[in-house]
């Protein structure tokens, strides 16, 4: 639920009061975030929205060495490629009942929905928002914020908000359920977004005046409040039928003016945190740990410039007799000293040669530490392998295990705070736009669940694959002495488990019914083959018997026929087993 109005307080006053409260909470984090931005990520900070919109001036005056920015960029690219790569499937849908999810028609339906969801994300700017804002922000500041709304052209429209533009609040469960935004718009943007019907009465008098005189690029601050809807009713349509309220107001407008009142069926804000302490709203990330090293690197880089200046253009000392004389420091030029005087013209301070080497070594150590903070050394280990013999599979596996050891806890925040909300919003919007096929009757009305099969998630689940390989490998060793032990293992269930771990297309693995059909056909074919072989064997036996010489009293066949009597001999001859008399 949202905050309640105080006695005598209007809806606009309540929103502005709540906005002030949230801004005061975030203000406690702003100095630390500003320090991080200045030394690591300058362009993702907007603490003064009205003065920073369309600002093209240089913002990285303290960033003398770009190594922190490069390491953060590597982290963002690594997260993008290993968690939400546009080039491969990273999500999978299932049902609460595993057996139902394994049933053929349901499995095919879920796979088709997965394919269409992936197409929706590719059509929208979802991946762009992740790479440009979400992943760099969460790495530097520990918190990121992205809005996902329905768009008639590309299904989803994603907006990655810079720090300073948004203010968050959590519910009792620690989940972000409230987001206020302070957005700078130009006058023209406000009119085109909120006054498409030509009705300018929603605007303040100052904005209407600016629009009428053609000052289209003047800046207007707009507050957007998204919070749980206290007036929600499932039987209503319009804003009251939405679980989250959405109110747009112009910050400087007169009382009672609203740019827009609407709502959302799903909370449209995705706000992942790298890690969270207790009940804090905002998270902590590698940028906070990296900040001391980043600041020291910038300091040492500035000292390198000072050392270089002192070497190439040192401070000089000279005798008073040289005052007014022509003294020069131009390479190859000559300074003539007065004759007969011990005049001095030399550097007053000589930099030791090892000073530059020490500075270089210090900066190299700081750069290595910064790359370690952002896991850049792990991401780039294989790519930077310049040996003639490339890394072995075992080395690559060890590298992934080391990466998972450090990044595994981060997935526990990204899964529920970034990936699942993004899938829920995309699925709900696609469902309303009729972009998915009709589900089988068996799962209609049931809630689907999302699982993740990205490279990093598979590496996290790879421990299960190692356990399976160990089990079968050890069983094979025992089977050399006791073959019956292999009866203890269930091969079909093992294949299903491996397919689940590696996340293959369900079309590649038959369900239990499909396997039963295949085995029934194979058994029938084997039976028919055995019967055919038996019939052929009988025919060959009969043909061989037909070529056997006439029985005589001195061979086995004659002795056998002698015991059977004349009728047996006659019957055998009629059957063609012996040549008939002529």
Protein backbone atom coordinates (compact mmCIF):
# COMPACT_ATOMS: atom_id res chain seq x y z
CA UNK A 1 0.00 0.00 0.00
CA UNK A 2 1.09 3.59 -0.56
CA UNK A 3 1.37 6.34 2.03
CA UNK A 4 -1.92 7.77 3.29
CA UNK A 5 -2.97 11.36 2.95
CA UNK A 6 -2.79 13.45 6.09
CA UNK A 7 -5.91 15.33 7.27
CA UNK A 8 -6.60 18.23 4.94
CA UNK A 9 -3.91 17.13 2.51
CA UNK A 10 -4.63 16.98 -1.21
CA UNK A 11 -3.42 14.20 -3.50
CA UNK A 12 -0.83 16.50 -5.05
CA UNK A 13 0.42 17.57 -1.64
CA UNK A 14 0.71 13.95 -0.53
CA UNK A 15 2.80 13.10 -3.61
CA UNK A 16 5.10 16.08 -3.08
CA UNK A 17 5.48 15.21 0.62
CA UNK A 18 6.32 11.60 -0.24
CA UNK A 19 8.73 12.83 -2.92
CA UNK A 20 10.52 14.93 -0.31
CA UNK A 21 10.80 11.97 2.06
CA UNK A 22 12.29 9.68 -0.57
CA UNK A 23 14.66 12.38 -1.74
CA UNK A 24 15.92 12.89 1.82
CA UNK A 25 16.67 9.16 2.16
CA UNK A 26 18.58 9.02 -1.11
CA UNK A 27 20.48 12.23 -0.26
CA UNK A 28 22.38 10.24 2.36
CA UNK A 29 23.85 8.12 -0.45
CA UNK A 30 24.48 10.92 -2.94
CA UNK A 31 27.95 12.10 -1.74
CA UNK A 32 29.37 8.57 -1.91
CA UNK A 33 27.80 7.93 -5.32
CA UNK A 34 29.07 11.27 -6.62
CA UNK A 35 32.61 10.36 -5.54
CA UNK A 36 32.30 7.01 -7.38
CA UNK A 37 30.92 8.69 -10.49
CA UNK A 38 33.73 11.25 -10.65
CA UNK A 39 36.42 8.56 -10.40
CA UNK A 40 34.80 5.67 -12.27
CA UNK A 41 31.59 6.44 -14.23
CA UNK A 42 31.08 10.18 -14.82
CA UNK A 43 28.20 10.14 -17.31
CA UNK A 44 25.71 8.09 -15.24
CA UNK A 45 25.04 10.74 -12.58
CA UNK A 46 22.25 13.32 -12.60
CA UNK A 47 21.94 14.97 -9.18
CA UNK A 48 20.81 18.25 -10.72
CA UNK A 49 18.37 17.18 -13.44
CA UNK A 50 17.37 20.65 -14.53
CA UNK A 51 20.96 21.78 -15.05
CA UNK A 52 22.30 18.55 -16.54
CA UNK A 53 19.83 17.75 -19.33
CA UNK A 54 21.56 17.80 -22.72
CA UNK A 55 24.77 18.83 -21.00
CA UNK A 56 27.64 18.19 -23.37
CA UNK A 57 30.47 19.64 -21.33
CA UNK A 58 33.23 17.45 -19.95
CA UNK A 59 32.23 15.58 -16.81
CA UNK A 60 35.32 13.43 -16.21
CA UNK A 61 37.76 16.08 -15.03
CA UNK A 62 39.07 13.82 -12.24
CA UNK A 63 39.37 10.76 -14.46
CA UNK A 64 43.01 11.18 -15.53
CA UNK A 65 43.49 7.43 -16.06
CA UNK A 66 40.49 5.61 -17.64
CA UNK A 67 41.41 2.18 -16.22
CA UNK A 68 38.47 2.12 -13.72
CA UNK A 69 36.03 2.91 -16.53
CA UNK A 70 37.56 0.25 -18.78
CA UNK A 71 37.43 -2.39 -16.02
CA UNK A 72 33.79 -1.53 -15.29
CA UNK A 73 32.99 -1.75 -19.00
CA UNK A 74 34.53 -5.23 -19.06
CA UNK A 75 32.36 -6.25 -16.10
CA UNK A 76 29.23 -4.94 -17.82
CA UNK A 77 30.11 -6.75 -21.05
CA UNK A 78 30.83 -9.95 -19.13
CA UNK A 79 27.49 -9.83 -17.32
CA UNK A 80 25.70 -9.10 -20.59
CA UNK A 81 27.35 -11.99 -22.44
CA UNK A 82 27.08 -14.53 -19.64
CA UNK A 83 23.62 -13.74 -18.21
CA UNK A 84 21.43 -12.12 -20.88
CA UNK A 85 23.22 -12.70 -24.16
CA UNK A 86 21.04 -11.71 -27.16
CA UNK A 87 22.85 -14.39 -29.19
CA UNK A 88 21.60 -17.39 -27.22
CA UNK A 89 18.64 -18.58 -25.18
CA UNK A 90 18.95 -17.49 -21.53
CA UNK A 91 15.49 -18.21 -20.14
CA UNK A 92 13.23 -21.22 -19.90
CA UNK A 93 9.63 -21.55 -18.74
CA UNK A 94 8.22 -24.40 -16.71
CA UNK A 95 5.22 -25.24 -14.53
CA UNK A 96 4.94 -25.92 -10.83
CA UNK A 97 4.34 -29.59 -11.65
CA UNK A 98 7.57 -31.05 -13.14
CA UNK A 99 5.74 -34.03 -14.65
CA UNK A 100 3.26 -31.76 -16.39
CA UNK A 101 6.11 -29.62 -17.75
CA UNK A 102 7.70 -32.77 -19.21
CA UNK A 103 4.54 -33.76 -21.08
CA UNK A 104 4.97 -33.35 -24.84
CA UNK A 105 2.24 -30.78 -25.73
CA UNK A 106 3.02 -28.66 -22.66
CA UNK A 107 6.74 -28.80 -23.34
CA UNK A 108 6.23 -27.69 -26.94
CA UNK A 109 3.95 -24.83 -25.84
CA UNK A 110 6.46 -23.60 -23.29
CA UNK A 111 9.25 -23.74 -25.86
CA UNK A 112 7.20 -21.71 -28.35
CA UNK A 113 6.50 -19.06 -25.71
CA UNK A 114 10.21 -18.92 -24.89
CA UNK A 115 11.05 -18.33 -28.55
CA UNK A 116 8.48 -15.56 -28.88
CA UNK A 117 9.58 -13.91 -25.63
CA UNK A 118 13.15 -13.86 -26.90
CA UNK A 119 11.91 -12.26 -30.11
CA UNK A 120 10.06 -9.60 -28.10
CA UNK A 121 13.21 -8.67 -26.18
CA UNK A 122 15.20 -8.54 -29.42
CA UNK A 123 12.64 -6.25 -31.08
CA UNK A 124 12.62 -3.83 -28.14
CA UNK A 125 15.47 -1.82 -26.61
CA UNK A 126 15.72 -4.24 -23.67
CA UNK A 127 19.30 -5.33 -24.36
CA UNK A 128 20.40 -1.78 -25.07
CA UNK A 129 19.06 -0.60 -21.70
CA UNK A 130 20.91 -3.43 -19.96
CA UNK A 131 24.27 -2.78 -21.59
CA UNK A 132 24.10 1.04 -21.52
CA UNK A 133 22.74 1.52 -18.02
CA UNK A 134 21.74 -1.42 -15.83
CA UNK A 135 24.97 -3.41 -15.80
CA UNK A 136 27.37 -0.40 -15.56
CA UNK A 137 25.22 1.18 -12.83
CA UNK A 138 24.94 -1.93 -10.70
CA UNK A 139 28.68 -2.51 -10.99
CA UNK A 140 29.63 1.06 -10.08
CA UNK A 141 26.87 2.18 -7.69
CA UNK A 142 25.46 -1.13 -6.47
CA UNK A 143 21.94 -0.15 -7.62
CA UNK A 144 20.36 0.17 -11.05
CA UNK A 145 16.86 1.14 -12.13
CA UNK A 146 15.03 0.41 -15.39
CA UNK A 147 11.44 1.06 -16.41
CA UNK A 148 9.64 -1.35 -18.78
CA UNK A 149 6.37 -0.22 -20.35
CA UNK A 150 4.13 -1.41 -23.15
CA UNK A 151 4.87 0.06 -26.55
CA UNK A 152 2.58 -0.31 -29.57
CA UNK A 153 5.45 -0.44 -32.06
CA UNK A 154 8.09 -2.61 -30.40
CA UNK A 155 6.00 -4.24 -27.63
CA UNK A 156 8.39 -3.11 -24.86
CA UNK A 157 9.99 0.26 -24.22
CA UNK A 158 12.81 0.15 -21.66
CA UNK A 159 14.30 3.21 -19.97
CA UNK A 160 17.51 2.95 -17.96
CA UNK A 161 17.47 5.74 -15.38
CA UNK A 162 20.70 7.42 -14.21
CA UNK A 163 21.40 7.83 -10.52
CA UNK A 164 19.76 11.02 -9.29
CA UNK A 165 16.63 10.65 -11.40
CA UNK A 166 14.90 7.99 -9.29
CA UNK A 167 13.94 7.49 -5.64
CA UNK A 168 13.04 4.01 -4.36
CA UNK A 169 11.19 2.49 -1.40
CA UNK A 170 10.69 -1.14 -0.30
CA UNK A 171 7.81 -3.05 1.22
CA UNK A 172 8.00 -5.15 4.37
CA UNK A 173 9.57 -8.01 2.43
CA UNK A 174 12.48 -5.88 1.24
CA UNK A 175 11.16 -5.74 -2.35
CA UNK A 176 11.21 -2.45 -4.23
CA UNK A 177 7.55 -1.53 -4.83
CA UNK A 178 7.68 2.28 -5.06
CA UNK A 179 9.54 4.51 -7.49
CA UNK A 180 9.40 8.28 -7.79
CA UNK A 181 11.20 9.98 -10.65
CA UNK A 182 12.30 13.56 -11.20
CA UNK A 183 12.60 13.91 -14.95
CA UNK A 184 13.78 16.95 -16.92
CA UNK A 185 11.67 17.56 -20.03
CA UNK A 186 11.79 20.34 -22.56
CA UNK A 187 8.60 22.34 -23.05
CA UNK A 188 8.03 20.67 -26.42
CA UNK A 189 8.47 17.19 -24.91
CA UNK A 190 5.89 17.92 -22.21
CA UNK A 191 3.36 19.13 -24.76
CA UNK A 192 3.86 16.20 -27.17
CA UNK A 193 3.74 13.61 -24.37
CA UNK A 194 0.83 14.85 -22.27
CA UNK A 195 -1.18 17.13 -24.55
CA UNK A 196 -1.62 15.08 -27.72
CA UNK A 197 -5.30 15.98 -27.72
CA UNK A 198 -4.42 19.67 -27.87
CA UNK A 199 -5.72 20.37 -24.35
CA UNK A 200 -3.10 22.56 -22.64
CA UNK A 201 -5.10 23.05 -19.45
CA UNK A 202 -3.02 20.35 -17.72
CA UNK A 203 0.08 22.56 -17.98
CA UNK A 204 1.15 25.28 -15.59
CA UNK A 205 0.76 28.87 -16.69
CA UNK A 206 4.53 29.26 -17.03
CA UNK A 207 4.85 26.25 -19.38
CA UNK A 208 1.87 27.39 -21.48
CA UNK A 209 3.44 30.82 -21.74
CA UNK A 210 6.79 29.36 -22.80
CA UNK A 211 5.07 27.19 -25.41
CA UNK A 212 3.06 30.09 -26.81
CA UNK A 213 6.15 32.27 -27.27
CA UNK A 214 8.10 29.43 -28.90
CA UNK A 215 10.56 28.68 -26.06
CA UNK A 216 10.37 24.97 -26.82
CA UNK A 217 13.75 24.02 -25.30
CA UNK A 218 13.15 25.49 -21.85
CA UNK A 219 13.48 22.82 -19.15
CA UNK A 220 10.50 21.61 -17.12
CA UNK A 221 10.83 19.26 -14.13
CA UNK A 222 8.19 16.53 -13.97
CA UNK A 223 7.51 14.16 -11.07
CA UNK A 224 6.36 10.61 -11.89
CA UNK A 225 5.03 8.65 -8.90
CA UNK A 226 4.58 4.86 -9.21
CA UNK A 227 3.37 3.10 -6.06
CA UNK A 228 0.84 0.48 -4.88
CA UNK A 229 -2.74 1.51 -5.61
CA UNK A 230 -4.77 1.80 -2.40
CA UNK A 231 -7.98 2.19 -4.42
CA UNK A 232 -7.43 -1.01 -6.43
CA UNK A 233 -10.54 -3.02 -7.26
CA UNK A 234 -10.42 -5.98 -9.59
CA UNK A 235 -13.95 -5.28 -10.78
CA UNK A 236 -13.13 -1.76 -11.97
CA UNK A 237 -11.67 -0.53 -15.24
CA UNK A 238 -9.29 2.37 -15.69
CA UNK A 239 -6.80 3.52 -13.03
CA UNK A 240 -8.78 1.95 -10.16
CA UNK A 241 -8.49 -1.43 -11.84
CA UNK A 242 -4.69 -1.23 -11.85
CA UNK A 243 -2.59 -2.66 -9.01
CA UNK A 244 -0.07 0.20 -9.23
CA UNK A 245 -0.99 3.85 -9.59
CA UNK A 246 0.90 6.14 -11.96
CA UNK A 247 0.65 9.91 -11.49
CA UNK A 248 2.51 12.56 -13.50
CA UNK A 249 2.66 16.12 -12.15
CA UNK A 250 4.59 19.19 -13.14
CA UNK A 251 6.82 20.13 -10.22
CA UNK A 252 6.06 23.86 -10.41
CA UNK A 253 2.41 23.63 -11.43
CA UNK A 254 -0.52 25.08 -9.54
CA UNK A 255 -2.51 23.04 -7.01
CA UNK A 256 -4.89 20.52 -8.53
CA UNK A 257 -3.11 20.14 -11.86
CA UNK A 258 -2.07 16.66 -13.01
CA UNK A 259 -0.42 15.87 -16.29
CA UNK A 260 -1.74 12.28 -16.27
CA UNK A 261 -3.33 9.74 -13.94
CA UNK A 262 -3.17 6.08 -14.93
CA UNK A 263 -1.79 2.80 -13.64
CA UNK A 264 -0.03 -0.50 -14.30
CA UNK A 265 -1.12 -4.10 -13.91
CA UNK A 266 2.48 -5.04 -13.10
CA UNK A 267 5.07 -2.99 -11.27
CA UNK A 268 6.96 -1.54 -14.26
CA UNK A 269 10.21 -0.86 -12.42
CA UNK A 270 13.13 -3.27 -12.29
CA UNK A 271 15.62 -2.20 -9.60
CA UNK A 272 18.38 -4.80 -9.06
CA UNK A 273 20.97 -4.38 -6.30
CA UNK A 274 24.44 -5.97 -6.29
CA UNK A 275 24.18 -6.69 -2.57
CA UNK A 276 22.00 -5.30 0.20
CA UNK A 277 22.72 -4.72 3.87
CA UNK A 278 19.76 -5.41 6.14
CA UNK A 279 16.69 -3.40 5.17
CA UNK A 280 18.56 -0.81 3.09
CA UNK A 281 16.78 0.38 -0.02
CA UNK A 282 19.92 0.99 -2.07
CA UNK A 283 22.64 -1.58 -2.66
CA UNK A 284 26.39 -1.76 -2.55
CA UNK A 285 28.61 -2.79 -5.45
CA UNK A 286 32.21 -3.29 -6.59
CA UNK A 287 32.55 0.43 -7.33
CA UNK A 288 32.39 1.22 -3.63
CA UNK A 289 35.18 -1.25 -2.88
CA UNK A 290 37.19 0.01 -5.84
CA UNK A 291 36.89 3.71 -4.97
CA UNK A 292 40.06 4.04 -2.80
CA UNK A 293 42.22 2.41 -5.46
CA UNK A 294 40.58 4.47 -8.21
CA UNK A 295 41.25 7.72 -6.36
CA UNK A 296 44.85 6.75 -5.63
CA UNK A 297 45.36 5.84 -9.29
CA UNK A 298 44.20 9.31 -10.36
CA UNK A 299 46.53 10.87 -7.77
CA UNK A 300 49.52 8.81 -8.92
CA UNK A 301 48.70 9.66 -12.52
CA UNK A 302 48.77 13.37 -11.68
CA UNK A 303 52.13 12.86 -9.91
CA UNK A 304 53.48 11.19 -13.04
CA UNK A 305 52.73 14.41 -14.90
CA UNK A 306 54.51 16.45 -12.25
CA UNK A 307 57.56 14.19 -12.40
CA UNK A 308 57.63 14.42 -16.16
CA UNK A 309 57.46 18.22 -16.01
CA UNK A 310 60.32 18.37 -13.54
CA UNK A 311 62.45 16.16 -15.76
CA UNK A 312 61.72 17.88 -19.08
CA UNK A 313 61.32 21.44 -17.75
CA UNK A 314 63.03 21.54 -14.32
CA UNK A 315 63.11 24.55 -11.99
CA UNK A 316 66.45 26.36 -12.47
CA UNK A 317 68.84 28.27 -10.25
CA UNK A 318 71.23 30.94 -11.58
CA UNK A 319 73.79 33.44 -10.29
CA UNK A 320 72.71 37.07 -9.93
CA UNK A 321 75.23 37.99 -12.60
CA UNK A 322 72.98 36.20 -15.14
CA UNK A 323 70.07 38.47 -14.39
CA UNK A 324 69.08 40.15 -17.62
CA UNK A 325 71.33 37.89 -19.68
CA UNK A 326 70.13 35.59 -22.40
CA UNK A 327 69.58 32.21 -20.66
CA UNK A 328 67.74 29.47 -22.48
CA UNK A 329 66.41 25.96 -21.92
CA UNK A 330 65.72 25.24 -25.58
CA UNK A 331 67.38 21.96 -26.63
CA UNK A 332 70.57 22.66 -28.62
CA UNK A 333 70.66 26.33 -27.64
CA UNK A 334 73.61 27.91 -25.75
CA UNK A 335 73.66 30.11 -22.67
CA UNK A 336 76.83 32.29 -22.45
CA UNK A 337 78.08 32.97 -18.93
CA UNK A 338 80.07 36.11 -17.94
CA UNK A 339 83.83 35.65 -18.35
CA UNK A 340 85.89 35.15 -15.23
CA UNK A 341 82.90 34.55 -12.96
CA UNK A 342 81.72 31.30 -11.45
CA UNK A 343 78.18 31.85 -12.55
CA UNK A 344 75.66 29.09 -11.88
CA UNK A 345 72.93 28.02 -14.28
CA UNK A 346 71.64 24.53 -13.40
CA UNK A 347 68.51 22.71 -12.22
CA UNK A 348 67.63 23.49 -8.62
CA UNK A 349 65.99 20.08 -8.21
CA UNK A 350 66.99 16.88 -10.01
CA UNK A 351 64.44 14.06 -10.17
CA UNK A 352 65.95 10.66 -9.45
CA UNK A 353 65.61 8.30 -12.42
CA UNK A 354 64.01 5.61 -10.28
CA UNK A 355 61.16 7.96 -9.31
CA UNK A 356 59.40 7.43 -12.65
CA UNK A 357 59.87 3.65 -12.38
CA UNK A 358 58.41 3.62 -8.87
CA UNK A 359 55.45 5.66 -10.04
CA UNK A 360 54.92 3.33 -12.98
CA UNK A 361 55.05 0.28 -10.71
CA UNK A 362 52.59 1.81 -8.26
CA UNK A 363 50.13 2.61 -11.01
CA UNK A 364 50.47 -0.91 -12.44
CA UNK A 365 49.63 -2.39 -9.03
CA UNK A 366 46.63 -0.09 -8.66
CA UNK A 367 45.36 -0.99 -12.13
CA UNK A 368 45.64 -4.68 -11.30
CA UNK A 369 43.68 -4.14 -8.08
CA UNK A 370 40.99 -2.19 -9.93
CA UNK A 371 40.61 -4.94 -12.53
CA UNK A 372 40.30 -7.43 -9.69
CA UNK A 373 37.52 -5.39 -8.05
CA UNK A 374 35.49 -5.59 -11.26
CA UNK A 375 36.50 -9.22 -12.05
CA UNK A 376 37.98 -7.99 -15.33
CA UNK A 377 40.99 -10.26 -14.99
CA UNK A 378 38.70 -13.29 -14.82
CA UNK A 379 36.58 -12.19 -17.79
CA UNK A 380 39.62 -11.54 -19.95
CA UNK A 381 41.80 -14.45 -18.84
CA UNK A 382 41.03 -16.63 -21.83
CA UNK A 383 40.89 -13.78 -24.36
CA UNK A 384 44.31 -12.51 -23.32
CA UNK A 385 45.92 -15.97 -23.50
CA UNK A 386 48.71 -15.38 -26.03
CA UNK A 387 50.38 -18.78 -25.65
CA UNK A 388 50.81 -20.91 -28.74
CA UNK A 389 48.93 -23.66 -26.92
CA UNK A 390 45.48 -22.31 -26.05
CA UNK A 391 43.94 -22.86 -22.65
CA UNK A 392 42.87 -26.43 -22.00
CA UNK A 393 39.33 -27.43 -21.14
CA UNK A 394 40.43 -28.00 -17.55
CA UNK A 395 41.91 -24.47 -17.31
CA UNK A 396 38.73 -22.98 -18.73
CA UNK A 397 36.62 -24.99 -16.28
CA UNK A 398 38.78 -23.83 -13.37
CA UNK A 399 38.41 -20.24 -14.52
CA UNK A 400 34.62 -20.55 -14.62
CA UNK A 401 34.58 -22.14 -11.19
CA UNK A 402 36.67 -19.27 -9.82
CA UNK A 403 34.32 -16.77 -11.46
CA UNK A 404 31.27 -18.55 -10.06
CA UNK A 405 32.80 -18.58 -6.60
CA UNK A 406 32.93 -14.77 -6.69
CA UNK A 407 29.86 -13.96 -8.79
CA UNK A 408 27.54 -16.70 -7.52
CA UNK A 409 26.06 -14.53 -4.71
CA UNK A 410 25.38 -11.74 -7.21
CA UNK A 411 23.06 -14.05 -9.18
CA UNK A 412 20.97 -14.48 -6.04
CA UNK A 413 20.09 -10.78 -6.38
CA UNK A 414 19.94 -10.53 -10.17
CA UNK A 415 17.59 -13.52 -10.51
CA UNK A 416 14.70 -12.14 -8.40
CA UNK A 417 15.36 -8.42 -8.90
CA UNK A 418 16.28 -8.20 -12.59
CA UNK A 419 15.60 -11.34 -14.62
CA UNK A 420 12.30 -12.63 -13.20
CA UNK A 421 10.60 -9.20 -13.11
CA UNK A 422 11.72 -8.51 -16.68
CA UNK A 423 10.28 -11.85 -17.84
CA UNK A 424 7.04 -11.33 -15.88
CA UNK A 425 6.51 -7.89 -17.40
CA UNK A 426 7.36 -9.04 -20.93
CA UNK A 427 5.11 -12.10 -20.67
CA UNK A 428 2.17 -10.12 -19.25
CA UNK A 429 2.40 -7.46 -21.98
CA UNK A 430 2.78 -10.10 -24.71
CA UNK A 431 -0.23 -11.93 -23.31
CA UNK A 432 -2.39 -8.79 -23.45
CA UNK A 433 -1.25 -8.20 -27.05
CA UNK A 434 -2.12 -11.82 -28.04
CA UNK A 435 1.44 -12.62 -29.07
CA UNK A 436 1.48 -16.15 -27.66
CA UNK A 437 -0.28 -19.35 -28.80
CA UNK A 438 -3.24 -20.85 -26.97
CA UNK A 439 -1.96 -22.95 -24.03
CA UNK A 440 -3.02 -26.60 -23.61
CA UNK A 441 -6.04 -27.13 -21.41
CA UNK A 442 -3.93 -28.86 -18.77
CA UNK A 443 -2.06 -25.65 -17.86
CA UNK A 444 -4.68 -22.98 -18.54
CA UNK A 445 -4.97 -20.76 -15.49
CA UNK A 446 -1.74 -22.03 -13.98
CA UNK A 447 1.18 -19.76 -13.17
CA UNK A 448 4.33 -20.33 -15.19
CA UNK A 449 7.77 -20.19 -13.62
CA UNK A 450 10.97 -18.87 -15.15
CA UNK A 451 14.29 -20.66 -15.02
CA UNK A 452 17.59 -19.36 -16.35
CA UNK A 453 19.96 -21.21 -18.65
CA UNK A 454 22.60 -18.59 -19.43
CA UNK A 455 26.28 -19.43 -19.47
CA UNK A 456 26.75 -18.20 -15.92
CA UNK A 457 23.68 -20.04 -14.65
CA UNK A 458 24.81 -23.23 -16.37
CA UNK A 459 28.24 -22.83 -14.81
CA UNK A 460 26.49 -22.50 -11.45
CA UNK A 461 24.54 -25.70 -12.11
CA UNK A 462 27.57 -27.50 -13.56
CA UNK A 463 28.32 -29.01 -10.16
CA UNK A 464 25.34 -31.28 -10.75
CA UNK A 465 26.79 -32.37 -14.10
CA UNK A 466 30.12 -33.14 -12.45
CA UNK A 467 28.31 -35.28 -9.88
CA UNK A 468 26.52 -37.23 -12.63
CA UNK A 469 29.77 -37.87 -14.50
CA UNK A 470 31.42 -39.00 -11.27
CA UNK A 471 28.57 -41.39 -10.49
CA UNK A 472 28.61 -43.06 -13.91
CA UNK A 473 32.40 -43.13 -14.06
CA UNK A 474 32.74 -44.84 -10.71
CA UNK A 475 29.92 -47.26 -11.55
CA UNK A 476 31.69 -48.20 -14.80
CA UNK A 477 34.83 -49.04 -12.82
CA UNK A 478 32.89 -51.29 -10.45
CA UNK A 479 31.08 -52.90 -13.40
CA UNK A 480 34.40 -54.35 -14.61
CA UNK A 481 34.23 -56.72 -11.64
CA UNK A 482 30.45 -56.87 -11.14
CA UNK A 483 28.52 -55.97 -14.34
CA UNK A 484 25.15 -56.23 -12.61
CA UNK A 485 25.87 -52.99 -10.72
CA UNK A 486 24.89 -50.98 -13.83
CA UNK A 487 21.30 -52.10 -13.23
CA UNK A 488 21.34 -49.73 -10.29
CA UNK A 489 21.51 -46.66 -12.57
CA UNK A 490 18.58 -45.15 -14.45
CA UNK A 491 19.84 -44.00 -17.86
CA UNK A 492 16.64 -42.25 -18.99
CA UNK A 493 16.43 -40.14 -15.84
CA UNK A 494 20.11 -39.29 -16.21
CA UNK A 495 19.60 -37.98 -19.76
CA UNK A 496 16.64 -35.86 -18.60
CA UNK A 497 18.73 -34.40 -15.78
CA UNK A 498 21.65 -33.57 -18.09
CA UNK A 499 19.29 -31.94 -20.61
CA UNK A 500 17.86 -29.83 -17.81
CA UNK A 501 21.30 -28.74 -16.64
CA UNK A 502 22.64 -27.77 -20.06
CA UNK A 503 19.32 -26.27 -21.21
CA UNK A 504 18.84 -27.93 -24.60
CA UNK A 505 15.87 -27.50 -26.90
CA UNK A 506 13.07 -29.84 -25.68
CA UNK A 507 12.67 -31.13 -29.25
CA UNK A 508 16.05 -32.82 -28.88
CA UNK A 509 14.96 -35.06 -25.98
CA UNK A 510 11.89 -37.30 -26.17
CA UNK A 511 9.44 -37.42 -23.29
CA UNK A 512 8.52 -40.72 -21.60
CA UNK A 513 5.64 -41.38 -24.01
CA UNK A 514 7.86 -40.78 -27.03
CA UNK A 515 10.53 -43.09 -25.66
CA UNK A 516 7.90 -45.80 -25.04
CA UNK A 517 6.69 -45.52 -28.64
CA UNK A 518 10.22 -45.75 -30.03
CA UNK A 519 11.01 -48.77 -27.90
CA UNK A 520 7.75 -50.47 -28.84
CA UNK A 521 8.53 -50.05 -32.54
CA UNK A 522 12.08 -51.31 -31.99
CA UNK A 523 10.83 -54.36 -30.05
CA UNK A 524 8.35 -55.16 -32.82
CA UNK A 525 11.09 -54.82 -35.44
CA UNK A 526 13.39 -57.08 -33.45
CA UNK A 527 10.58 -59.67 -33.04
CA UNK A 528 9.84 -59.63 -36.75
CA UNK A 529 13.56 -59.94 -37.49
CA UNK A 530 13.87 -62.94 -35.15
CA UNK A 531 10.83 -64.61 -36.72
CA UNK A 532 12.23 -64.02 -40.19
CA UNK A 533 15.57 -65.51 -39.17
CA UNK A 534 13.81 -68.54 -37.64
CA UNK A 535 11.75 -69.08 -40.80
CA UNK A 536 14.86 -68.77 -42.97
CA UNK A 537 16.63 -71.27 -40.75
CA UNK A 538 13.76 -73.75 -41.14
CA UNK A 539 13.76 -73.34 -44.92
CA UNK A 540 17.52 -73.87 -45.06
CA UNK A 541 17.16 -76.97 -42.84
CA UNK A 542 14.47 -78.40 -45.04
CA UNK A 543 16.50 -77.72 -48.19
CA UNK A 544 19.56 -79.36 -46.68
CA UNK A 545 17.50 -82.35 -45.63
CA UNK A 546 16.12 -82.64 -49.17
CA UNK A 547 19.66 -83.05 -50.50
CA UNK A 548 20.53 -85.79 -48.01
CA UNK A 549 21.27 -89.25 -49.70
CA UNK A 550 18.72 -92.07 -49.32
CA UNK A 551 18.95 -93.68 -45.91
CA UNK A 552 20.71 -96.96 -45.56
CA UNK A 553 20.82 -99.40 -42.72
CA UNK A 554 24.40 -98.44 -41.99
CA UNK A 555 23.86 -94.66 -41.34
CA UNK A 556 22.11 -92.68 -38.60
CA UNK A 557 19.22 -91.49 -40.74
CA UNK A 558 18.47 -95.04 -41.86
CA UNK A 559 18.59 -96.28 -38.31
CA UNK A 560 16.20 -93.50 -37.25
CA UNK A 561 13.74 -94.23 -40.06
CA UNK A 562 13.95 -97.91 -39.27
CA UNK A 563 12.67 -97.24 -35.80
CA UNK A 564 9.83 -95.05 -37.15
CA UNK A 565 8.53 -97.67 -39.57
CA UNK A 566 7.47 -97.61 -43.23
CA UNK A 567 4.82 -94.94 -42.79
CA UNK A 568 7.36 -92.44 -41.61
CA UNK A 569 9.54 -93.11 -44.62
CA UNK A 570 6.61 -92.71 -46.95
CA UNK A 571 5.50 -89.50 -45.26
CA UNK A 572 8.95 -88.04 -45.52
CA UNK A 573 9.12 -88.88 -49.17
CA UNK A 574 5.77 -87.23 -49.82
CA UNK A 575 6.97 -84.11 -48.07
CA UNK A 576 9.85 -83.90 -50.50
CA UNK A 577 12.48 -84.75 -47.94
CA UNK A 578 13.68 -87.76 -50.02
CA UNK A 579 13.74 -88.35 -53.77
CA UNK A 580 10.79 -90.46 -54.94
CA UNK A 581 11.30 -93.78 -56.72
CA UNK A 582 11.04 -93.85 -60.46
